[in-house]
Amino acid sequence: MLLIACLAGFIYLFYNIHTLQSQTFRVCIIKNVTSYPCPSCGITRAVTLLLQGRIIESLLLNPFGIVVAIIMTIFPIWILTDIFLKKETFYFWYKKTEATIRKPAIALILILLVLFNWIWNIYKHL
C-alpha cells in the first residue's frame, strides 16, 4: 500500500510540475468546504520548491513538505530492497516506530506539531 501511495504521490507531483494549473483549482476538500487550509495544504508546492532547490521557501510554505519528500524518496527504495532481499527490515522499523508514536508524550508532541503547522497555514492565508 505504501508503494502505491508513493507512486500516486510521484504521479501527482509530476502532473503538478508539468501542467499549468489554475490558481483557483484546489484538491484539498477541507479548504474547498470551509475555506480554511488543512495542516497539509501546500505540501505539494513545498515539495516542488524543494526540488527546485528553494529549501527556505519550501520550509516557510509547509515544513511537512520536507518530511513528505524524504518519505517519498527513501521508503520505496527501502521496501523494494526488502522485497528483493526477502527481508522485513522496513516492516520491523514500521512496527517499532508505531509503538513509539503511541506513547502519550510522543503522540502529544506530534499532535502539537500538526496543530502549530495548521495555525501557521491559517496565519499565512494558505
N, C-alpha and C. Protein backbone atom coordinates (compact mmCIF):
# COMPACT_ATOMS: atom_id res chain seq x y z
N MET A 1 0.82 -1.19 0.00
CA MET A 1 0.00 0.00 0.00
C MET A 1 0.87 1.26 0.00
N LEU A 2 1.96 1.23 0.76
CA LEU A 2 2.82 2.40 0.84
C LEU A 2 3.50 2.67 -0.50
N LEU A 3 3.87 1.61 -1.21
CA LEU A 3 4.45 1.80 -2.54
C LEU A 3 3.45 2.44 -3.48
N ILE A 4 2.20 2.01 -3.40
CA ILE A 4 1.15 2.58 -4.25
C ILE A 4 0.92 4.05 -3.89
N ALA A 5 0.92 4.35 -2.60
CA ALA A 5 0.74 5.74 -2.16
C ALA A 5 1.89 6.61 -2.65
N CYS A 6 3.12 6.12 -2.56
CA CYS A 6 4.28 6.89 -3.04
C CYS A 6 4.20 7.06 -4.56
N LEU A 7 3.80 6.02 -5.28
CA LEU A 7 3.66 6.11 -6.72
C LEU A 7 2.60 7.15 -7.09
N ALA A 8 1.48 7.12 -6.39
CA ALA A 8 0.42 8.12 -6.64
C ALA A 8 0.95 9.52 -6.34
N GLY A 9 1.73 9.65 -5.29
CA GLY A 9 2.32 10.95 -4.95
C GLY A 9 3.26 11.44 -6.03
N PHE A 10 4.10 10.54 -6.57
CA PHE A 10 5.02 10.92 -7.64
C PHE A 10 4.25 11.33 -8.89
N ILE A 11 3.20 10.59 -9.22
CA ILE A 11 2.40 10.92 -10.40
C ILE A 11 1.75 12.29 -10.23
N TYR A 12 1.17 12.55 -9.06
CA TYR A 12 0.54 13.85 -8.82
C TYR A 12 1.58 14.97 -8.84
N LEU A 13 2.74 14.73 -8.25
CA LEU A 13 3.80 15.74 -8.25
C LEU A 13 4.27 16.02 -9.67
N PHE A 14 4.47 14.98 -10.47
CA PHE A 14 4.87 15.15 -11.86
C PHE A 14 3.81 15.94 -12.62
N TYR A 15 2.55 15.59 -12.42
CA TYR A 15 1.44 16.30 -13.06
C TYR A 15 1.44 17.77 -12.65
N ASN A 16 1.62 18.01 -11.37
CA ASN A 16 1.59 19.37 -10.83
C ASN A 16 2.75 20.21 -11.39
N ILE A 17 3.91 19.62 -11.55
CA ILE A 17 5.08 20.34 -12.05
C ILE A 17 4.96 20.62 -13.55
N HIS A 18 4.41 19.68 -14.30
CA HIS A 18 4.43 19.78 -15.76
C HIS A 18 3.13 20.29 -16.39
N THR A 19 2.20 20.74 -15.62
CA THR A 19 0.99 21.31 -16.20
C THR A 19 0.76 22.69 -15.61
N LEU A 20 0.05 23.48 -16.33
CA LEU A 20 -0.30 24.81 -15.84
C LEU A 20 -1.68 24.71 -15.21
N GLN A 21 -1.72 24.70 -13.89
CA GLN A 21 -2.99 24.60 -13.20
C GLN A 21 -3.48 25.99 -12.83
N SER A 22 -4.77 26.14 -12.87
CA SER A 22 -5.37 27.40 -12.45
C SER A 22 -5.16 27.57 -10.95
N GLN A 23 -4.90 28.78 -10.53
CA GLN A 23 -4.70 29.05 -9.10
C GLN A 23 -5.97 28.82 -8.30
N THR A 24 -7.12 28.82 -8.95
CA THR A 24 -8.37 28.61 -8.22
C THR A 24 -8.67 27.13 -8.00
N PHE A 25 -7.99 26.24 -8.70
CA PHE A 25 -8.20 24.81 -8.53
C PHE A 25 -7.51 24.33 -7.27
N ARG A 26 -8.27 23.70 -6.38
CA ARG A 26 -7.70 23.19 -5.13
C ARG A 26 -8.17 21.76 -4.94
N VAL A 27 -7.21 20.90 -4.57
CA VAL A 27 -7.52 19.50 -4.33
C VAL A 27 -8.04 19.31 -2.91
N CYS A 28 -7.63 20.15 -1.99
CA CYS A 28 -7.96 19.99 -0.57
C CYS A 28 -9.47 20.14 -0.32
N ILE A 29 -10.07 19.08 0.15
CA ILE A 29 -11.52 19.08 0.43
C ILE A 29 -11.82 20.04 1.58
N ILE A 30 -10.98 20.03 2.60
CA ILE A 30 -11.21 20.90 3.76
C ILE A 30 -11.20 22.36 3.32
N LYS A 31 -10.22 22.74 2.50
CA LYS A 31 -10.13 24.12 2.02
C LYS A 31 -11.33 24.46 1.14
N ASN A 32 -11.77 23.52 0.30
CA ASN A 32 -12.91 23.76 -0.58
C ASN A 32 -14.21 23.94 0.21
N VAL A 33 -14.36 23.19 1.29
CA VAL A 33 -15.61 23.23 2.05
C VAL A 33 -15.62 24.37 3.06
N THR A 34 -14.52 24.56 3.77
CA THR A 34 -14.51 25.52 4.88
C THR A 34 -13.80 26.84 4.55
N SER A 35 -13.04 26.87 3.48
CA SER A 35 -12.18 27.98 3.07
C SER A 35 -10.98 28.17 4.01
N TYR A 36 -10.76 27.25 4.92
CA TYR A 36 -9.58 27.26 5.79
C TYR A 36 -8.65 26.14 5.36
N PRO A 37 -7.35 26.41 5.35
CA PRO A 37 -6.40 25.36 4.93
C PRO A 37 -6.26 24.27 6.00
N CYS A 38 -5.99 23.07 5.55
CA CYS A 38 -5.72 21.98 6.48
C CYS A 38 -4.23 21.98 6.80
N PRO A 39 -3.76 21.16 7.74
CA PRO A 39 -2.33 21.14 8.07
C PRO A 39 -1.45 20.72 6.89
N SER A 40 -2.02 19.99 5.95
CA SER A 40 -1.20 19.52 4.83
C SER A 40 -1.31 20.40 3.59
N CYS A 41 -2.08 21.45 3.65
CA CYS A 41 -2.19 22.35 2.50
C CYS A 41 -0.81 22.94 2.18
N GLY A 42 -0.45 22.89 0.93
CA GLY A 42 0.83 23.45 0.49
C GLY A 42 1.96 22.46 0.43
N ILE A 43 1.71 21.20 0.78
CA ILE A 43 2.80 20.22 0.77
C ILE A 43 3.31 19.99 -0.65
N THR A 44 2.41 19.87 -1.62
CA THR A 44 2.85 19.66 -3.00
C THR A 44 3.71 20.82 -3.47
N ARG A 45 3.27 22.03 -3.19
CA ARG A 45 4.06 23.20 -3.59
C ARG A 45 5.39 23.23 -2.84
N ALA A 46 5.39 22.81 -1.57
CA ALA A 46 6.63 22.79 -0.79
C ALA A 46 7.62 21.77 -1.37
N VAL A 47 7.13 20.60 -1.78
CA VAL A 47 8.00 19.59 -2.39
C VAL A 47 8.52 20.11 -3.73
N THR A 48 7.66 20.77 -4.49
CA THR A 48 8.09 21.35 -5.76
C THR A 48 9.19 22.37 -5.55
N LEU A 49 9.02 23.25 -4.56
CA LEU A 49 10.06 24.23 -4.24
C LEU A 49 11.36 23.54 -3.82
N LEU A 50 11.22 22.48 -3.05
CA LEU A 50 12.40 21.72 -2.61
C LEU A 50 13.14 21.14 -3.80
N LEU A 51 12.40 20.60 -4.76
CA LEU A 51 13.03 20.04 -5.96
C LEU A 51 13.71 21.11 -6.78
N GLN A 52 13.25 22.34 -6.67
CA GLN A 52 13.88 23.45 -7.38
C GLN A 52 15.06 24.03 -6.60
N GLY A 53 15.33 23.46 -5.42
CA GLY A 53 16.46 23.91 -4.61
C GLY A 53 16.13 25.11 -3.73
N ARG A 54 14.88 25.44 -3.62
CA ARG A 54 14.45 26.59 -2.82
C ARG A 54 14.01 26.10 -1.44
N ILE A 55 14.97 25.67 -0.65
CA ILE A 55 14.72 24.99 0.62
C ILE A 55 14.04 25.89 1.64
N ILE A 56 14.51 27.11 1.80
CA ILE A 56 13.93 28.03 2.78
C ILE A 56 12.47 28.33 2.43
N GLU A 57 12.21 28.60 1.15
CA GLU A 57 10.83 28.87 0.73
C GLU A 57 9.94 27.65 0.98
N SER A 58 10.49 26.47 0.74
CA SER A 58 9.75 25.23 0.98
C SER A 58 9.40 25.09 2.46
N LEU A 59 10.37 25.35 3.33
CA LEU A 59 10.13 25.27 4.77
C LEU A 59 9.09 26.28 5.23
N LEU A 60 9.16 27.48 4.68
CA LEU A 60 8.20 28.52 5.07
C LEU A 60 6.80 28.22 4.57
N LEU A 61 6.70 27.59 3.41
CA LEU A 61 5.38 27.27 2.88
C LEU A 61 4.70 26.18 3.70
N ASN A 62 5.39 25.05 3.88
CA ASN A 62 4.87 23.98 4.72
C ASN A 62 6.03 23.05 5.09
N PRO A 63 6.46 23.08 6.35
CA PRO A 63 7.60 22.26 6.78
C PRO A 63 7.38 20.76 6.57
N PHE A 64 6.13 20.33 6.51
CA PHE A 64 5.86 18.91 6.29
C PHE A 64 6.27 18.47 4.89
N GLY A 65 6.47 19.42 3.98
CA GLY A 65 6.89 19.10 2.62
C GLY A 65 8.22 18.36 2.60
N ILE A 66 9.13 18.77 3.46
CA ILE A 66 10.43 18.10 3.51
C ILE A 66 10.28 16.68 4.04
N VAL A 67 9.43 16.51 5.03
CA VAL A 67 9.18 15.16 5.58
C VAL A 67 8.59 14.27 4.49
N VAL A 68 7.62 14.79 3.75
CA VAL A 68 6.99 14.02 2.68
C VAL A 68 8.00 13.69 1.59
N ALA A 69 8.84 14.64 1.22
CA ALA A 69 9.86 14.40 0.19
C ALA A 69 10.82 13.30 0.63
N ILE A 70 11.23 13.32 1.88
CA ILE A 70 12.13 12.28 2.40
C ILE A 70 11.44 10.92 2.37
N ILE A 71 10.19 10.88 2.82
CA ILE A 71 9.44 9.62 2.83
C ILE A 71 9.28 9.09 1.42
N MET A 72 8.91 9.97 0.48
CA MET A 72 8.68 9.53 -0.90
C MET A 72 9.97 9.08 -1.58
N THR A 73 11.10 9.51 -1.07
CA THR A 73 12.37 9.11 -1.65
C THR A 73 12.91 7.83 -1.03
N ILE A 74 12.88 7.75 0.29
CA ILE A 74 13.52 6.63 0.98
C ILE A 74 12.64 5.38 1.05
N PHE A 75 11.37 5.54 1.39
CA PHE A 75 10.53 4.37 1.63
C PHE A 75 10.41 3.43 0.44
N PRO A 76 10.14 3.91 -0.78
CA PRO A 76 10.05 2.95 -1.89
C PRO A 76 11.35 2.17 -2.12
N ILE A 77 12.48 2.85 -1.99
CA ILE A 77 13.76 2.17 -2.17
C ILE A 77 13.95 1.11 -1.08
N TRP A 78 13.61 1.48 0.15
CA TRP A 78 13.75 0.56 1.28
C TRP A 78 12.84 -0.65 1.11
N ILE A 79 11.59 -0.41 0.73
CA ILE A 79 10.63 -1.51 0.57
C ILE A 79 11.05 -2.43 -0.57
N LEU A 80 11.44 -1.84 -1.70
CA LEU A 80 11.87 -2.68 -2.83
C LEU A 80 13.12 -3.47 -2.50
N THR A 81 14.04 -2.88 -1.74
CA THR A 81 15.24 -3.61 -1.31
C THR A 81 14.85 -4.80 -0.43
N ASP A 82 13.91 -4.58 0.48
CA ASP A 82 13.43 -5.68 1.32
C ASP A 82 12.79 -6.79 0.48
N ILE A 83 12.02 -6.39 -0.52
CA ILE A 83 11.37 -7.39 -1.38
C ILE A 83 12.41 -8.22 -2.12
N PHE A 84 13.40 -7.55 -2.71
CA PHE A 84 14.42 -8.27 -3.47
C PHE A 84 15.31 -9.13 -2.59
N LEU A 85 15.62 -8.64 -1.39
CA LEU A 85 16.48 -9.39 -0.49
C LEU A 85 15.71 -10.33 0.44
N LYS A 86 14.39 -10.32 0.29
CA LYS A 86 13.49 -11.16 1.10
C LYS A 86 13.73 -10.94 2.59
N LYS A 87 13.74 -9.67 2.96
CA LYS A 87 13.89 -9.28 4.36
C LYS A 87 12.67 -8.49 4.78
N GLU A 88 12.58 -8.19 6.06
CA GLU A 88 11.46 -7.42 6.59
C GLU A 88 11.93 -6.27 7.46
N THR A 89 13.03 -5.65 7.08
CA THR A 89 13.57 -4.57 7.91
C THR A 89 12.62 -3.38 7.96
N PHE A 90 11.97 -3.05 6.85
CA PHE A 90 11.04 -1.93 6.85
C PHE A 90 9.84 -2.22 7.76
N TYR A 91 9.32 -3.42 7.66
CA TYR A 91 8.17 -3.80 8.49
C TYR A 91 8.51 -3.71 9.97
N PHE A 92 9.67 -4.22 10.36
CA PHE A 92 10.06 -4.15 11.77
C PHE A 92 10.29 -2.72 12.22
N TRP A 93 10.89 -1.89 11.36
CA TRP A 93 11.08 -0.47 11.68
C TRP A 93 9.71 0.21 11.84
N TYR A 94 8.79 -0.11 10.94
CA TYR A 94 7.45 0.47 11.00
C TYR A 94 6.76 0.11 12.31
N LYS A 95 6.80 -1.14 12.68
CA LYS A 95 6.15 -1.58 13.93
C LYS A 95 6.78 -0.89 15.15
N LYS A 96 8.11 -0.76 15.15
CA LYS A 96 8.79 -0.10 16.26
C LYS A 96 8.42 1.39 16.31
N THR A 97 8.38 2.03 15.15
CA THR A 97 8.01 3.44 15.09
C THR A 97 6.58 3.65 15.54
N GLU A 98 5.69 2.76 15.11
CA GLU A 98 4.29 2.85 15.52
C GLU A 98 4.16 2.74 17.03
N ALA A 99 4.88 1.82 17.64
CA ALA A 99 4.85 1.66 19.09
C ALA A 99 5.38 2.91 19.79
N THR A 100 6.40 3.53 19.22
CA THR A 100 6.97 4.74 19.81
C THR A 100 5.98 5.90 19.73
N ILE A 101 5.32 6.02 18.59
CA ILE A 101 4.35 7.11 18.39
C ILE A 101 3.15 6.97 19.32
N ARG A 102 2.83 5.77 19.70
CA ARG A 102 1.68 5.54 20.60
C ARG A 102 1.95 5.96 22.04
N LYS A 103 3.19 6.24 22.37
CA LYS A 103 3.49 6.71 23.72
C LYS A 103 2.89 8.10 23.88
N PRO A 104 2.17 8.33 24.98
CA PRO A 104 1.45 9.60 25.14
C PRO A 104 2.31 10.85 24.97
N ALA A 105 3.51 10.87 25.50
CA ALA A 105 4.35 12.07 25.39
C ALA A 105 4.74 12.34 23.94
N ILE A 106 5.11 11.30 23.21
CA ILE A 106 5.49 11.44 21.80
C ILE A 106 4.27 11.84 20.99
N ALA A 107 3.13 11.18 21.23
CA ALA A 107 1.90 11.50 20.50
C ALA A 107 1.50 12.95 20.73
N LEU A 108 1.62 13.42 21.95
CA LEU A 108 1.27 14.81 22.25
C LEU A 108 2.16 15.78 21.49
N ILE A 109 3.45 15.51 21.46
CA ILE A 109 4.39 16.37 20.73
C ILE A 109 4.02 16.40 19.24
N LEU A 110 3.74 15.24 18.66
CA LEU A 110 3.39 15.19 17.24
C LEU A 110 2.07 15.90 16.95
N ILE A 111 1.10 15.73 17.84
CA ILE A 111 -0.19 16.43 17.68
C ILE A 111 0.01 17.93 17.76
N LEU A 112 0.84 18.38 18.69
CA LEU A 112 1.12 19.81 18.81
C LEU A 112 1.82 20.35 17.57
N LEU A 113 2.74 19.57 17.00
CA LEU A 113 3.40 19.99 15.76
C LEU A 113 2.41 20.16 14.62
N VAL A 114 1.48 19.22 14.50
CA VAL A 114 0.45 19.33 13.47
C VAL A 114 -0.43 20.55 13.71
N LEU A 115 -0.82 20.77 14.97
CA LEU A 115 -1.64 21.94 15.29
C LEU A 115 -0.91 23.25 15.01
N PHE A 116 0.37 23.32 15.38
CA PHE A 116 1.14 24.53 15.09
C PHE A 116 1.26 24.75 13.59
N ASN A 117 1.45 23.68 12.84
CA ASN A 117 1.52 23.82 11.38
C ASN A 117 0.19 24.29 10.81
N TRP A 118 -0.90 23.79 11.38
CA TRP A 118 -2.23 24.19 10.93
C TRP A 118 -2.44 25.69 11.21
N ILE A 119 -2.07 26.12 12.39
CA ILE A 119 -2.17 27.55 12.75
C ILE A 119 -1.30 28.37 11.80
N TRP A 120 -0.11 27.89 11.51
CA TRP A 120 0.81 28.57 10.60
C TRP A 120 0.17 28.69 9.20
N ASN A 121 -0.48 27.62 8.72
CA ASN A 121 -1.14 27.67 7.41
C ASN A 121 -2.30 28.67 7.41
N ILE A 122 -3.05 28.70 8.49
CA ILE A 122 -4.17 29.66 8.58
C ILE A 122 -3.63 31.08 8.64
N TYR A 123 -2.58 31.29 9.41
CA TYR A 123 -1.98 32.61 9.56
C TYR A 123 -1.48 33.14 8.21
N LYS A 124 -0.91 32.28 7.40
CA LYS A 124 -0.37 32.67 6.09
C LYS A 124 -1.45 32.83 5.03
N HIS A 125 -2.69 32.50 5.38
CA HIS A 125 -3.81 32.52 4.42
C HIS A 125 -3.48 31.61 3.23
N LEU A 126 -2.97 30.45 3.54
CA LEU A 126 -2.55 29.50 2.51
C LEU A 126 -3.68 29.03 1.66
